[in-house]
Amino acid sequence: MKKVLLFIALLVCLLPMAFSQNCNPQGNQSSYGSNNVWIGYAYNNTNFSSYKGFITRGAAGNPNFDTDFGGSNTNLNTAGCQVQTETFSVRFKLTKIVTNGMYKITVGGDDGYRLSLNGGNTWVINEWNEHSYQTTTVTVNLSGTVNMVLEYYENSGDNRVSFQMGAFTCGQQQSETYGLNNRWNGYLFDGMAFNNFAGMINTGHSADASFTEAFGGADVYFSSGCSYVRTEKFSARFRLTKTFSNGIYSIGVGGDDGYRLSIDGGNTWLINRWDDHSFITSTATLRLNGTYNFVLEYYENSGDNLLNFFVQSGTILAAETFTLTGREHNGTATLGWQCATADNATLFDLERSTNGSSFTKISTIYANAGNASAGLMQYTATDKITEGGAFYYWVKRTDVNGKVAISNSILLRAAPQNNTGIKIYPTVVTNGTVQLNSTKQLSNVTIMLHDFTGKPISSKVYGKIAAGAPTGINIANRQLPAGIYLLSIIDADENLGTQKITVL
């Protein structure tokens, strides 16, 4: 009986091996798909050898697709055999007939990808290296029959490849005109620096210039009517000419990530939060009278995206508009604002909220408690934030006549401690480089550098960082003067921690 059991166990082990050795890969590795359905020839290594069969992606009428092959390090079923989704490659082929015109194509991948529009002779997109998921966009003129080849390989970790194609009928951007009658003209761009025009949208409505724009959601392809933009690492510039009767108005902007607002055609910025952050709002209260050219600029780096604008009349105005800034470090919120030394302010009430709408006073700072510098009175206040907590803050200012003005509101979070497994070293930097080490894999990392007052200096996206593998963070090219700086690690909009470093 024992021998029988051993034989059965051996047979169970050998059957999958026999099956994998005897499977019959289907497909000729050369035919092109048609009717917008790609044929993808799959290989059991990264150099297109050891052919295992084919898969299809896309659908009739739509060649666009986004696939992760069933997940990381699993078995992908092809027509014929299975492929382990680690150290594998796929060559997709599609013949597409297009009318003469300009087309915008975006290819993304984790790891390497490249696209040919002439059967593999040349590559219009070529990112043949290892990296976390990223995309590349080109705009090309096409006509007639196009033999497209999209090659992809995965070395280790996550895997993903995507293809997006659409007609580009926007033409060249000639100018940016202002919207009228409370309807904004919004100009979209690939990239965060307004450098690749992707079409125009309109927002607002005739009765009110206020609007909220989510751009279709996080990391999707958002149509502008004549093209599209991927809502990750993109920018938008909204313009509106608006006439105000003489009066006091509150203007607010909210965004995730950076935003800034001008009322003089972009010459100066009334509101300016041009840095990476989760959704926050900023407000300004001022007297308006006449016609103004509004420019509202926005960019999105990673994670969620949202932009809103509101304007309302009748708010009581103190002597001048003022702005609140702040940062959180080791559970302490440090907040600051400034006013002219000749101002009529008597006191400032610091208030906080858990929801951004209902605020409670936590302290009062009197006008004579500020520090005078270059014609300005500078004020600071602190508050404790418990581990993992978050508060909205604003400052109410009262002048000698009893008039009140409210600053913008900001959201500060205290990162959870002792559970992120993040370490940054050394803390005294002499060679321009620090190391980041995490006990868990991070999926979409952005490193932000601030000076010690919390003012942003730079940010850089590092993408995926593997667990236990030190990653070098180069700050030498910032040409930083000696001093103390703050380095923050953000993963998909979650602040995982901030480390104080000293640059010598």
Protein backbone atom coordinates (compact mmCIF):
# COMPACT_ATOMS: atom_id res chain seq x y z
CA MET A 1 0.00 0.00 0.00
CA LYS A 2 2.86 2.42 0.87
CA LYS A 3 4.43 1.81 -2.57
CA VAL A 4 1.11 2.59 -4.28
CA LEU A 5 0.79 5.88 -2.41
CA LEU A 6 4.35 6.86 -3.34
CA PHE A 7 3.64 6.07 -6.99
CA ILE A 8 0.48 8.17 -6.98
CA ALA A 9 2.32 11.10 -5.39
CA LEU A 10 5.07 10.87 -7.98
CA LEU A 11 2.50 10.74 -10.77
CA VAL A 12 0.75 13.87 -9.45
CA CYS A 13 4.07 15.74 -9.46
CA LEU A 14 5.03 14.61 -12.96
CA LEU A 15 1.72 15.23 -14.72
CA PRO A 16 2.00 19.09 -14.75
CA MET A 17 5.58 18.82 -15.97
CA ALA A 18 4.57 16.48 -18.73
CA PHE A 19 1.67 18.76 -19.69
CA SER A 20 3.88 21.86 -19.78
CA GLN A 21 6.46 20.05 -21.91
CA ASN A 22 3.84 18.72 -24.35
CA CYS A 23 1.67 21.85 -24.80
CA ASN A 24 1.30 23.04 -28.37
CA PRO A 25 1.78 26.82 -28.89
CA GLN A 26 -0.75 28.16 -31.41
CA GLY A 27 -0.19 31.06 -33.82
CA ASN A 28 2.47 31.75 -36.45
CA GLN A 29 4.19 34.70 -34.63
CA SER A 30 3.91 36.86 -37.77
CA SER A 31 0.24 37.57 -38.58
CA TYR A 32 -1.26 40.92 -37.67
CA GLY A 33 -4.55 41.35 -35.90
CA SER A 34 -7.40 43.20 -37.61
CA ASN A 35 -10.66 44.99 -36.82
CA ASN A 36 -8.88 46.73 -33.86
CA VAL A 37 -8.08 43.40 -32.15
CA TRP A 38 -4.36 42.94 -31.48
CA ILE A 39 -2.64 39.56 -31.66
CA GLY A 40 -0.04 39.32 -28.89
CA TYR A 41 2.63 36.64 -29.24
CA ALA A 42 3.88 35.63 -25.77
CA TYR A 43 7.35 34.37 -24.86
CA ASN A 44 8.71 32.81 -21.69
CA ASN A 45 11.66 35.19 -21.39
CA THR A 46 12.47 38.86 -22.05
CA ASN A 47 14.04 38.50 -25.52
CA PHE A 48 11.19 37.00 -27.61
CA SER A 49 12.40 33.40 -27.64
CA SER A 50 10.75 30.30 -26.12
CA TYR A 51 7.38 31.01 -27.80
CA LYS A 52 4.34 29.86 -25.79
CA GLY A 53 1.26 30.96 -27.78
CA PHE A 54 -0.82 34.08 -28.40
CA ILE A 55 -3.37 36.31 -26.66
CA THR A 56 -5.66 39.05 -27.97
CA ARG A 57 -6.29 42.56 -26.68
CA GLY A 58 -8.51 45.40 -27.87
CA ALA A 59 -12.04 45.02 -29.21
CA ALA A 60 -13.96 45.53 -32.44
CA GLY A 61 -14.15 49.27 -33.02
CA ASN A 62 -11.60 50.14 -30.30
CA PRO A 63 -7.90 49.18 -30.32
CA ASN A 64 -7.23 50.70 -26.87
CA PHE A 65 -6.37 48.38 -23.99
CA ASP A 66 -4.74 48.30 -20.56
CA THR A 67 -3.66 44.90 -19.23
CA ASP A 68 -1.74 43.43 -16.29
CA PHE A 69 -1.77 39.87 -17.71
CA GLY A 70 -3.72 38.54 -14.74
CA GLY A 71 -1.34 39.85 -12.08
CA SER A 72 2.26 39.67 -10.95
CA ASN A 73 4.12 36.37 -10.99
CA THR A 74 1.16 34.22 -12.00
CA ASN A 75 0.26 31.95 -14.93
CA LEU A 76 -1.03 33.61 -18.11
CA ASN A 77 -3.08 31.32 -20.33
CA THR A 78 -2.33 31.70 -24.05
CA ALA A 79 -3.62 29.83 -27.06
CA GLY A 80 -1.48 26.78 -26.44
CA CYS A 81 0.57 27.10 -23.26
CA GLN A 82 1.00 29.06 -20.06
CA VAL A 83 3.50 31.86 -19.48
CA GLN A 84 4.79 32.82 -16.05
CA THR A 85 4.26 36.60 -15.75
CA GLU A 86 7.80 37.23 -14.54
CA THR A 87 10.69 37.64 -16.98
CA PHE A 88 8.44 37.32 -20.04
CA SER A 89 7.76 39.31 -23.22
CA VAL A 90 4.90 39.91 -25.64
CA ARG A 91 4.92 41.22 -29.23
CA PHE A 92 1.52 42.72 -30.17
CA LYS A 93 0.62 43.21 -33.84
CA LEU A 94 -2.29 45.06 -35.45
CA THR A 95 -3.04 46.26 -38.97
CA LYS A 96 -5.23 49.36 -38.85
CA ILE A 97 -6.65 51.39 -41.74
CA VAL A 98 -6.92 55.09 -40.92
CA THR A 99 -8.08 58.17 -42.78
CA ASN A 100 -5.47 60.82 -43.49
CA GLY A 101 -4.92 62.99 -40.40
CA MET A 102 -3.10 63.58 -37.15
CA TYR A 103 -3.34 60.94 -34.43
CA LYS A 104 -2.31 61.00 -30.80
CA ILE A 105 -0.93 57.73 -29.38
CA THR A 106 -0.03 56.99 -25.76
CA VAL A 107 1.79 53.80 -24.71
CA GLY A 108 2.52 52.88 -21.10
CA GLY A 109 4.38 50.04 -19.46
CA ASP A 110 6.06 48.42 -16.48
CA ASP A 111 8.76 47.46 -17.55
CA GLY A 112 9.98 48.12 -21.13
CA TYR A 113 7.83 49.06 -24.14
CA ARG A 114 8.29 50.33 -27.69
CA LEU A 115 5.94 51.07 -30.61
CA SER A 116 6.49 50.86 -34.35
CA LEU A 117 4.10 52.12 -37.04
CA ASN A 118 5.93 50.47 -39.97
CA GLY A 119 6.08 46.81 -39.05
CA GLY A 120 8.99 47.06 -36.62
CA ASN A 121 11.47 48.86 -38.90
CA THR A 122 11.63 51.98 -36.69
CA TRP A 123 10.27 52.92 -33.28
CA VAL A 124 8.27 56.12 -32.70
CA ILE A 125 8.17 55.29 -28.97
CA ASN A 126 11.08 53.51 -27.34
CA GLU A 127 11.32 53.04 -23.55
CA TRP A 128 13.18 49.74 -23.62
CA ASN A 129 14.38 49.71 -20.01
CA GLU A 130 13.20 48.73 -16.55
CA HIS A 131 10.96 51.15 -14.67
CA SER A 132 7.68 51.43 -12.83
CA TYR A 133 4.57 52.20 -14.86
CA GLN A 134 4.95 55.29 -17.04
CA THR A 135 3.50 56.55 -20.31
CA THR A 136 4.88 58.15 -23.47
CA THR A 137 2.80 60.17 -25.96
CA VAL A 138 3.42 61.07 -29.61
CA THR A 139 1.35 62.89 -32.22
CA VAL A 140 1.87 61.61 -35.78
CA ASN A 141 0.36 61.97 -39.24
CA LEU A 142 -1.05 58.68 -40.53
CA SER A 143 -2.85 57.62 -43.68
CA GLY A 144 -4.05 54.33 -45.14
CA THR A 145 -2.78 50.96 -43.88
CA VAL A 146 -0.64 51.05 -40.75
CA ASN A 147 1.17 47.95 -39.48
CA MET A 148 1.59 48.55 -35.75
CA VAL A 149 3.98 46.54 -33.58
CA LEU A 150 3.94 47.04 -29.82
CA GLU A 151 6.67 45.16 -27.95
CA TYR A 152 6.78 44.70 -24.19
CA TYR A 153 8.89 42.90 -21.62
CA GLU A 154 8.67 42.38 -17.86
CA ASN A 155 11.69 41.60 -15.71
CA SER A 156 10.38 41.46 -12.13
CA GLY A 157 7.66 42.83 -9.89
CA ASP A 158 4.42 44.29 -11.24
CA ASN A 159 3.58 44.13 -14.93
CA ARG A 160 1.36 46.33 -17.10
CA VAL A 161 1.16 47.57 -20.67
CA SER A 162 -1.37 49.95 -22.21
CA PHE A 163 -2.23 51.49 -25.58
CA GLN A 164 -4.39 54.55 -26.29
CA MET A 165 -5.06 56.09 -29.70
CA GLY A 166 -7.33 58.88 -30.88
CA ALA A 167 -7.64 61.38 -33.70
CA PHE A 168 -5.97 64.72 -32.95
CA THR A 169 -8.09 67.46 -34.52
CA CYS A 170 -7.06 70.37 -32.28
CA GLY A 171 -4.50 71.78 -34.68
CA GLN A 172 -1.65 73.91 -33.41
CA GLN A 173 -2.37 76.11 -30.45
CA GLN A 174 -2.38 79.67 -31.77
CA SER A 175 -3.46 81.63 -28.69
CA GLU A 176 -5.43 81.38 -25.50
CA THR A 177 -8.57 83.50 -25.45
CA TYR A 178 -10.58 84.42 -22.38
CA GLY A 179 -13.99 82.97 -21.74
CA LEU A 180 -16.98 85.32 -21.29
CA ASN A 181 -20.33 85.31 -19.47
CA ASN A 182 -18.94 83.24 -16.56
CA ARG A 183 -17.85 80.46 -18.94
CA TRP A 184 -14.11 79.67 -18.57
CA ASN A 185 -11.95 78.57 -21.48
CA GLY A 186 -9.79 75.73 -20.14
CA TYR A 187 -6.65 74.72 -22.08
CA LEU A 188 -5.29 71.20 -21.39
CA PHE A 189 -1.68 70.07 -21.73
CA ASP A 190 0.22 66.79 -21.51
CA GLY A 191 2.92 67.21 -18.87
CA MET A 192 2.96 69.52 -15.87
CA ALA A 193 4.58 72.53 -17.56
CA PHE A 194 1.94 73.58 -20.17
CA ASN A 195 4.14 72.29 -22.97
CA ASN A 196 2.03 69.89 -25.11
CA PHE A 197 -1.37 71.27 -26.08
CA ALA A 198 -4.17 68.69 -25.77
CA GLY A 199 -7.32 70.70 -26.50
CA MET A 200 -9.82 72.97 -24.77
CA ILE A 201 -12.82 72.53 -22.48
CA ASN A 202 -15.39 74.98 -21.06
CA THR A 203 -16.61 75.14 -17.49
CA GLY A 204 -18.73 77.44 -15.30
CA HIS A 205 -22.23 78.55 -16.35
CA SER A 206 -23.96 81.78 -17.26
CA ALA A 207 -25.27 82.52 -13.76
CA ASP A 208 -22.07 81.77 -11.83
CA ALA A 209 -18.35 81.45 -12.63
CA SER A 210 -17.87 78.93 -9.80
CA PHE A 211 -17.04 75.38 -10.89
CA THR A 212 -15.67 72.01 -9.79
CA GLU A 213 -13.68 69.96 -12.31
CA ALA A 214 -12.54 66.37 -11.65
CA PHE A 215 -11.21 65.75 -15.20
CA GLY A 216 -13.00 62.40 -15.42
CA GLY A 217 -11.25 60.90 -12.38
CA ALA A 218 -7.78 59.79 -11.28
CA ASP A 219 -5.48 58.37 -13.97
CA VAL A 220 -7.98 58.11 -16.82
CA TYR A 221 -8.03 59.46 -20.36
CA PHE A 222 -10.10 62.66 -20.37
CA SER A 223 -11.51 63.91 -23.67
CA SER A 224 -11.15 67.53 -24.72
CA GLY A 225 -13.36 67.08 -27.79
CA CYS A 226 -10.45 67.29 -30.23
CA SER A 227 -7.99 65.08 -28.33
CA TYR A 228 -7.42 63.60 -24.85
CA VAL A 229 -5.14 63.96 -21.86
CA ARG A 230 -4.06 61.34 -19.34
CA THR A 231 -5.09 62.71 -15.93
CA GLU A 232 -1.71 62.01 -14.40
CA LYS A 233 1.17 64.47 -14.80
CA PHE A 234 -0.89 66.99 -16.78
CA SER A 235 -1.68 70.70 -16.54
CA ALA A 236 -4.53 73.07 -17.35
CA ARG A 237 -4.87 76.84 -17.75
CA PHE A 238 -8.33 78.42 -17.40
CA ARG A 239 -9.10 81.96 -18.58
CA LEU A 240 -12.12 84.19 -17.93
CA THR A 241 -12.85 87.89 -18.37
CA LYS A 242 -15.34 89.00 -15.72
CA THR A 243 -16.79 92.37 -14.74
CA PHE A 244 -17.57 93.18 -11.08
CA SER A 245 -19.64 95.98 -9.61
CA ASN A 246 -17.90 97.89 -6.83
CA GLY A 247 -17.89 95.74 -3.71
CA ILE A 248 -16.15 93.22 -1.46
CA TYR A 249 -15.69 89.66 -2.76
CA SER A 250 -14.32 86.38 -1.45
CA ILE A 251 -12.50 84.26 -4.02
CA GLY A 252 -11.46 80.67 -3.32
CA VAL A 253 -9.50 77.98 -5.15
CA GLY A 254 -9.07 74.35 -4.13
CA GLY A 255 -6.91 71.73 -5.73
CA ASP A 256 -4.97 68.49 -5.68
CA ASP A 257 -2.13 69.15 -6.67
CA GLY A 258 -0.82 72.67 -7.47
CA TYR A 259 -2.92 75.74 -8.29
CA ARG A 260 -2.53 79.51 -8.61
CA LEU A 261 -4.90 82.33 -9.48
CA SER A 262 -4.28 85.71 -11.10
CA ILE A 263 -6.80 88.53 -11.67
CA ASP A 264 -4.49 90.60 -13.88
CA GLY A 265 -3.88 88.23 -16.78
CA GLY A 266 -1.11 86.23 -15.12
CA ASN A 267 1.17 89.13 -14.20
CA THR A 268 0.84 88.47 -10.47
CA TRP A 269 -0.70 85.67 -8.41
CA LEU A 270 -3.39 86.47 -5.86
CA ILE A 271 -3.44 82.83 -4.67
CA ASN A 272 -0.40 80.57 -5.12
CA ARG A 273 -0.08 76.95 -3.92
CA TRP A 274 2.20 75.68 -6.67
CA ASP A 275 3.35 72.47 -4.98
CA ASP A 276 2.30 68.83 -4.56
CA HIS A 277 -0.36 68.22 -1.93
CA SER A 278 -3.66 66.49 -1.26
CA PHE A 279 -6.82 68.58 -1.69
CA ILE A 280 -6.64 71.95 0.10
CA THR A 281 -8.36 75.30 -0.39
CA SER A 282 -7.10 78.89 -0.37
CA THR A 283 -9.22 82.04 -0.16
CA ALA A 284 -8.68 85.77 -0.62
CA THR A 285 -10.99 88.65 0.29
CA LEU A 286 -10.65 91.93 -1.59
CA ARG A 287 -12.46 94.85 -3.19
CA LEU A 288 -13.17 94.56 -6.92
CA ASN A 289 -14.53 97.19 -9.30
CA GLY A 290 -14.48 96.84 -13.09
CA THR A 291 -13.29 94.20 -15.55
CA TYR A 292 -10.62 91.63 -14.67
CA ASN A 293 -8.78 88.95 -16.65
CA PHE A 294 -8.75 85.82 -14.50
CA VAL A 295 -6.08 83.14 -15.08
CA LEU A 296 -6.35 79.92 -13.05
CA GLU A 297 -3.48 77.46 -13.54
CA TYR A 298 -3.41 73.88 -12.29
CA TYR A 299 -1.17 70.81 -12.46
CA GLU A 300 -1.53 67.22 -11.29
CA ASN A 301 1.48 65.07 -10.42
CA SER A 302 0.09 61.76 -9.15
CA GLY A 303 -2.87 60.30 -7.27
CA ASP A 304 -6.25 62.03 -7.15
CA ASN A 305 -6.99 65.21 -9.08
CA LEU A 306 -9.56 67.92 -8.43
CA LEU A 307 -9.86 71.67 -9.04
CA ASN A 308 -12.55 74.08 -7.92
CA PHE A 309 -13.17 77.82 -7.97
CA PHE A 310 -15.74 79.98 -6.22
CA VAL A 311 -16.47 83.67 -5.90
CA GLN A 312 -19.07 85.33 -3.66
CA SER A 313 -19.87 88.90 -2.71
CA GLY A 314 -20.68 90.64 0.57
CA THR A 315 -17.81 89.39 2.74
CA ILE A 316 -16.58 91.90 5.35
CA LEU A 317 -13.10 93.12 4.57
CA ALA A 318 -10.38 94.02 7.06
CA ALA A 319 -7.44 96.19 6.05
CA GLU A 320 -5.93 93.76 3.53
CA THR A 321 -5.88 90.19 2.27
CA PHE A 322 -3.54 87.79 4.09
CA THR A 323 -2.41 84.22 3.54
CA LEU A 324 -1.87 81.40 6.01
CA THR A 325 0.96 78.90 5.50
CA GLY A 326 1.98 75.92 7.62
CA ARG A 327 3.68 72.57 7.96
CA GLU A 328 3.50 69.53 10.21
CA HIS A 329 6.59 67.94 11.77
CA ASN A 330 6.66 65.23 14.44
CA GLY A 331 3.04 65.88 15.44
CA THR A 332 3.34 69.68 15.70
CA ALA A 333 1.57 72.05 13.30
CA THR A 334 3.50 75.29 12.80
CA LEU A 335 1.45 78.06 11.19
CA GLY A 336 2.47 81.50 9.99
CA TRP A 337 1.08 84.68 8.39
CA GLN A 338 2.08 88.31 7.99
CA CYS A 339 0.56 91.80 7.75
CA ALA A 340 1.81 95.34 7.19
CA THR A 341 3.21 97.05 10.30
CA ALA A 342 0.81 99.98 9.70
CA ASP A 343 -2.16 97.67 9.66
CA ASN A 344 -5.13 98.22 11.97
CA ALA A 345 -5.32 94.59 13.15
CA THR A 346 -5.87 94.08 16.89
CA LEU A 347 -5.99 90.28 17.20
CA PHE A 348 -5.96 87.00 15.30
CA ASP A 349 -8.01 83.93 16.24
CA LEU A 350 -6.49 80.62 15.13
CA GLU A 351 -9.28 78.13 14.41
CA ARG A 352 -9.26 74.49 13.37
CA SER A 353 -11.74 71.99 11.94
CA THR A 354 -11.96 68.28 11.26
CA ASN A 355 -14.18 68.68 8.18
CA GLY A 356 -13.08 71.99 6.61
CA SER A 357 -16.39 73.75 7.26
CA SER A 358 -17.09 73.92 11.04
CA PHE A 359 -14.20 75.70 12.80
CA THR A 360 -13.46 76.12 16.52
CA LYS A 361 -11.12 78.71 18.04
CA ILE A 362 -8.05 77.21 19.72
CA SER A 363 -5.96 80.33 20.47
CA THR A 364 -5.80 84.11 20.17
CA ILE A 365 -2.68 86.01 19.11
CA TYR A 366 -2.63 89.76 19.66
CA ALA A 367 -1.23 92.13 17.04
CA ASN A 368 1.65 93.30 19.26
CA ALA A 369 2.90 89.71 19.57
CA GLY A 370 4.32 89.70 16.05
CA ASN A 371 7.89 90.22 14.92
CA ALA A 372 8.54 93.31 12.78
CA SER A 373 10.68 92.81 9.67
CA ALA A 374 10.98 94.95 6.51
CA GLY A 375 7.66 96.72 7.05
CA LEU A 376 5.80 93.52 7.90
CA MET A 377 4.56 91.98 11.12
CA GLN A 378 5.13 88.22 11.09
CA TYR A 379 3.08 85.90 13.29
CA THR A 380 3.43 82.23 14.19
CA ALA A 381 1.36 79.74 16.18
CA THR A 382 1.58 76.03 16.91
CA ASP A 383 -0.84 73.20 17.56
CA LYS A 384 -0.50 69.50 18.38
CA ILE A 385 -1.82 66.87 15.97
CA THR A 386 -2.14 63.33 17.26
CA GLU A 387 -0.57 60.47 15.34
CA GLY A 388 -2.49 59.85 12.13
CA GLY A 389 -4.73 62.88 12.74
CA ALA A 390 -5.55 65.79 10.43
CA PHE A 391 -6.90 69.31 10.92
CA TYR A 392 -7.94 72.20 8.72
CA TYR A 393 -6.74 75.61 9.94
CA TRP A 394 -7.59 79.23 9.19
CA VAL A 395 -7.02 82.57 10.93
CA LYS A 396 -9.74 85.15 11.66
CA ARG A 397 -8.40 88.65 11.88
CA THR A 398 -10.18 91.54 13.64
CA ASP A 399 -9.21 95.19 13.15
CA VAL A 400 -9.72 98.21 15.41
CA ASN A 401 -13.12 98.90 13.86
CA GLY A 402 -14.35 95.38 14.52
CA LYS A 403 -14.15 94.30 10.87
CA VAL A 404 -13.18 90.69 10.26
CA ALA A 405 -11.31 88.90 7.47
CA ILE A 406 -10.58 85.18 7.17
CA SER A 407 -7.42 83.72 5.67
CA ASN A 408 -7.27 80.77 3.33
CA SER A 409 -7.66 77.35 4.95
CA ILE A 410 -4.97 74.66 4.90
CA LEU A 411 -5.01 70.96 5.79
CA LEU A 412 -2.17 69.49 7.84
CA ARG A 413 -1.76 65.79 8.65
CA ALA A 414 0.38 63.97 11.19
CA ALA A 415 1.82 60.87 9.56
CA PRO A 416 1.39 57.58 11.44
CA GLN A 417 4.54 56.73 13.38
CA ASN A 418 6.34 53.43 13.89
CA ASN A 419 4.30 51.64 11.23
CA THR A 420 5.68 52.83 7.92
CA GLY A 421 9.08 51.16 8.12
CA ILE A 422 10.70 54.14 6.36
CA LYS A 423 14.31 55.08 7.03
CA ILE A 424 16.32 57.93 5.50
CA TYR A 425 20.07 58.08 6.08
CA PRO A 426 22.52 59.66 6.59
CA THR A 427 20.96 62.68 8.25
CA VAL A 428 24.16 64.69 7.83
CA VAL A 429 24.75 64.98 4.08
CA THR A 430 28.19 65.68 2.67
CA ASN A 431 28.09 64.08 -0.79
CA GLY A 432 24.67 65.23 -2.00
CA THR A 433 22.97 61.82 -1.65
CA VAL A 434 20.78 60.16 0.96
CA GLN A 435 19.38 56.62 1.02
CA LEU A 436 15.73 55.62 1.41
CA ASN A 437 14.93 52.15 2.74
CA SER A 438 11.42 50.78 3.27
CA THR A 439 10.32 47.53 4.91
CA LYS A 440 7.39 47.33 2.47
CA GLN A 441 7.06 47.93 -1.26
CA LEU A 442 5.97 51.46 -2.17
CA SER A 443 3.93 51.86 -5.34
CA ASN A 444 4.04 55.53 -6.38
CA VAL A 445 6.67 57.47 -4.43
CA THR A 446 7.27 61.22 -4.65
CA ILE A 447 10.14 62.80 -2.71
CA MET A 448 9.58 66.43 -1.67
CA LEU A 449 12.31 68.72 -0.38
CA HIS A 450 11.50 71.76 1.80
CA ASP A 451 13.57 74.31 3.61
CA PHE A 452 13.26 74.36 7.40
CA THR A 453 10.37 76.88 7.30
CA GLY A 454 8.35 74.42 5.20
CA LYS A 455 8.76 76.29 1.89
CA PRO A 456 8.83 73.76 -1.01
CA ILE A 457 12.09 73.58 -2.95
CA SER A 458 11.55 70.64 -5.30
CA SER A 459 9.76 67.35 -5.83
CA LYS A 460 10.65 64.27 -7.87
CA VAL A 461 8.65 61.13 -8.71
CA TYR A 462 10.54 57.88 -8.06
CA GLY A 463 7.58 55.55 -8.72
CA LYS A 464 7.85 52.01 -7.38
CA ILE A 465 10.44 51.28 -4.66
CA ALA A 466 11.03 47.67 -3.70
CA ALA A 467 11.00 46.55 -0.08
CA GLY A 468 14.41 46.31 1.58
CA ALA A 469 16.29 47.77 -1.39
CA PRO A 470 18.03 51.09 -0.59
CA THR A 471 17.25 53.81 -3.14
CA GLY A 472 19.59 56.77 -3.62
CA ILE A 473 18.00 60.23 -3.43
CA ASN A 474 20.24 62.79 -5.14
CA ILE A 475 19.95 66.32 -3.81
CA ALA A 476 23.36 67.51 -5.03
CA ASN A 477 21.92 69.01 -8.23
CA ARG A 478 19.77 71.36 -6.16
CA GLN A 479 22.91 73.38 -5.31
CA LEU A 480 21.67 73.71 -1.76
CA PRO A 481 23.47 76.05 0.60
CA ALA A 482 24.55 74.56 3.92
CA GLY A 483 21.68 74.32 6.38
CA ILE A 484 18.77 72.23 7.67
CA TYR A 485 16.16 70.81 5.28
CA LEU A 486 13.08 68.57 5.42
CA LEU A 487 12.72 65.53 3.15
CA SER A 488 9.18 64.12 2.86
CA ILE A 489 8.19 60.73 1.43
CA ILE A 490 4.73 60.61 -0.19
CA ASP A 491 3.24 57.40 -1.55
CA ALA A 492 0.01 57.81 -3.55
CA ASP A 493 -0.85 61.06 -1.69
CA GLU A 494 -0.12 59.54 1.77
CA ASN A 495 2.66 61.27 3.69
CA LEU A 496 4.76 58.42 5.07
CA GLY A 497 7.14 60.61 7.03
CA THR A 498 9.43 63.61 7.05
CA GLN A 499 13.12 63.47 7.93
CA LYS A 500 15.23 66.45 8.98
CA ILE A 501 18.61 66.46 7.23
CA THR A 502 21.61 68.71 7.58
CA VAL A 503 23.54 69.69 4.43
CA LEU A 504 27.19 70.59 4.97
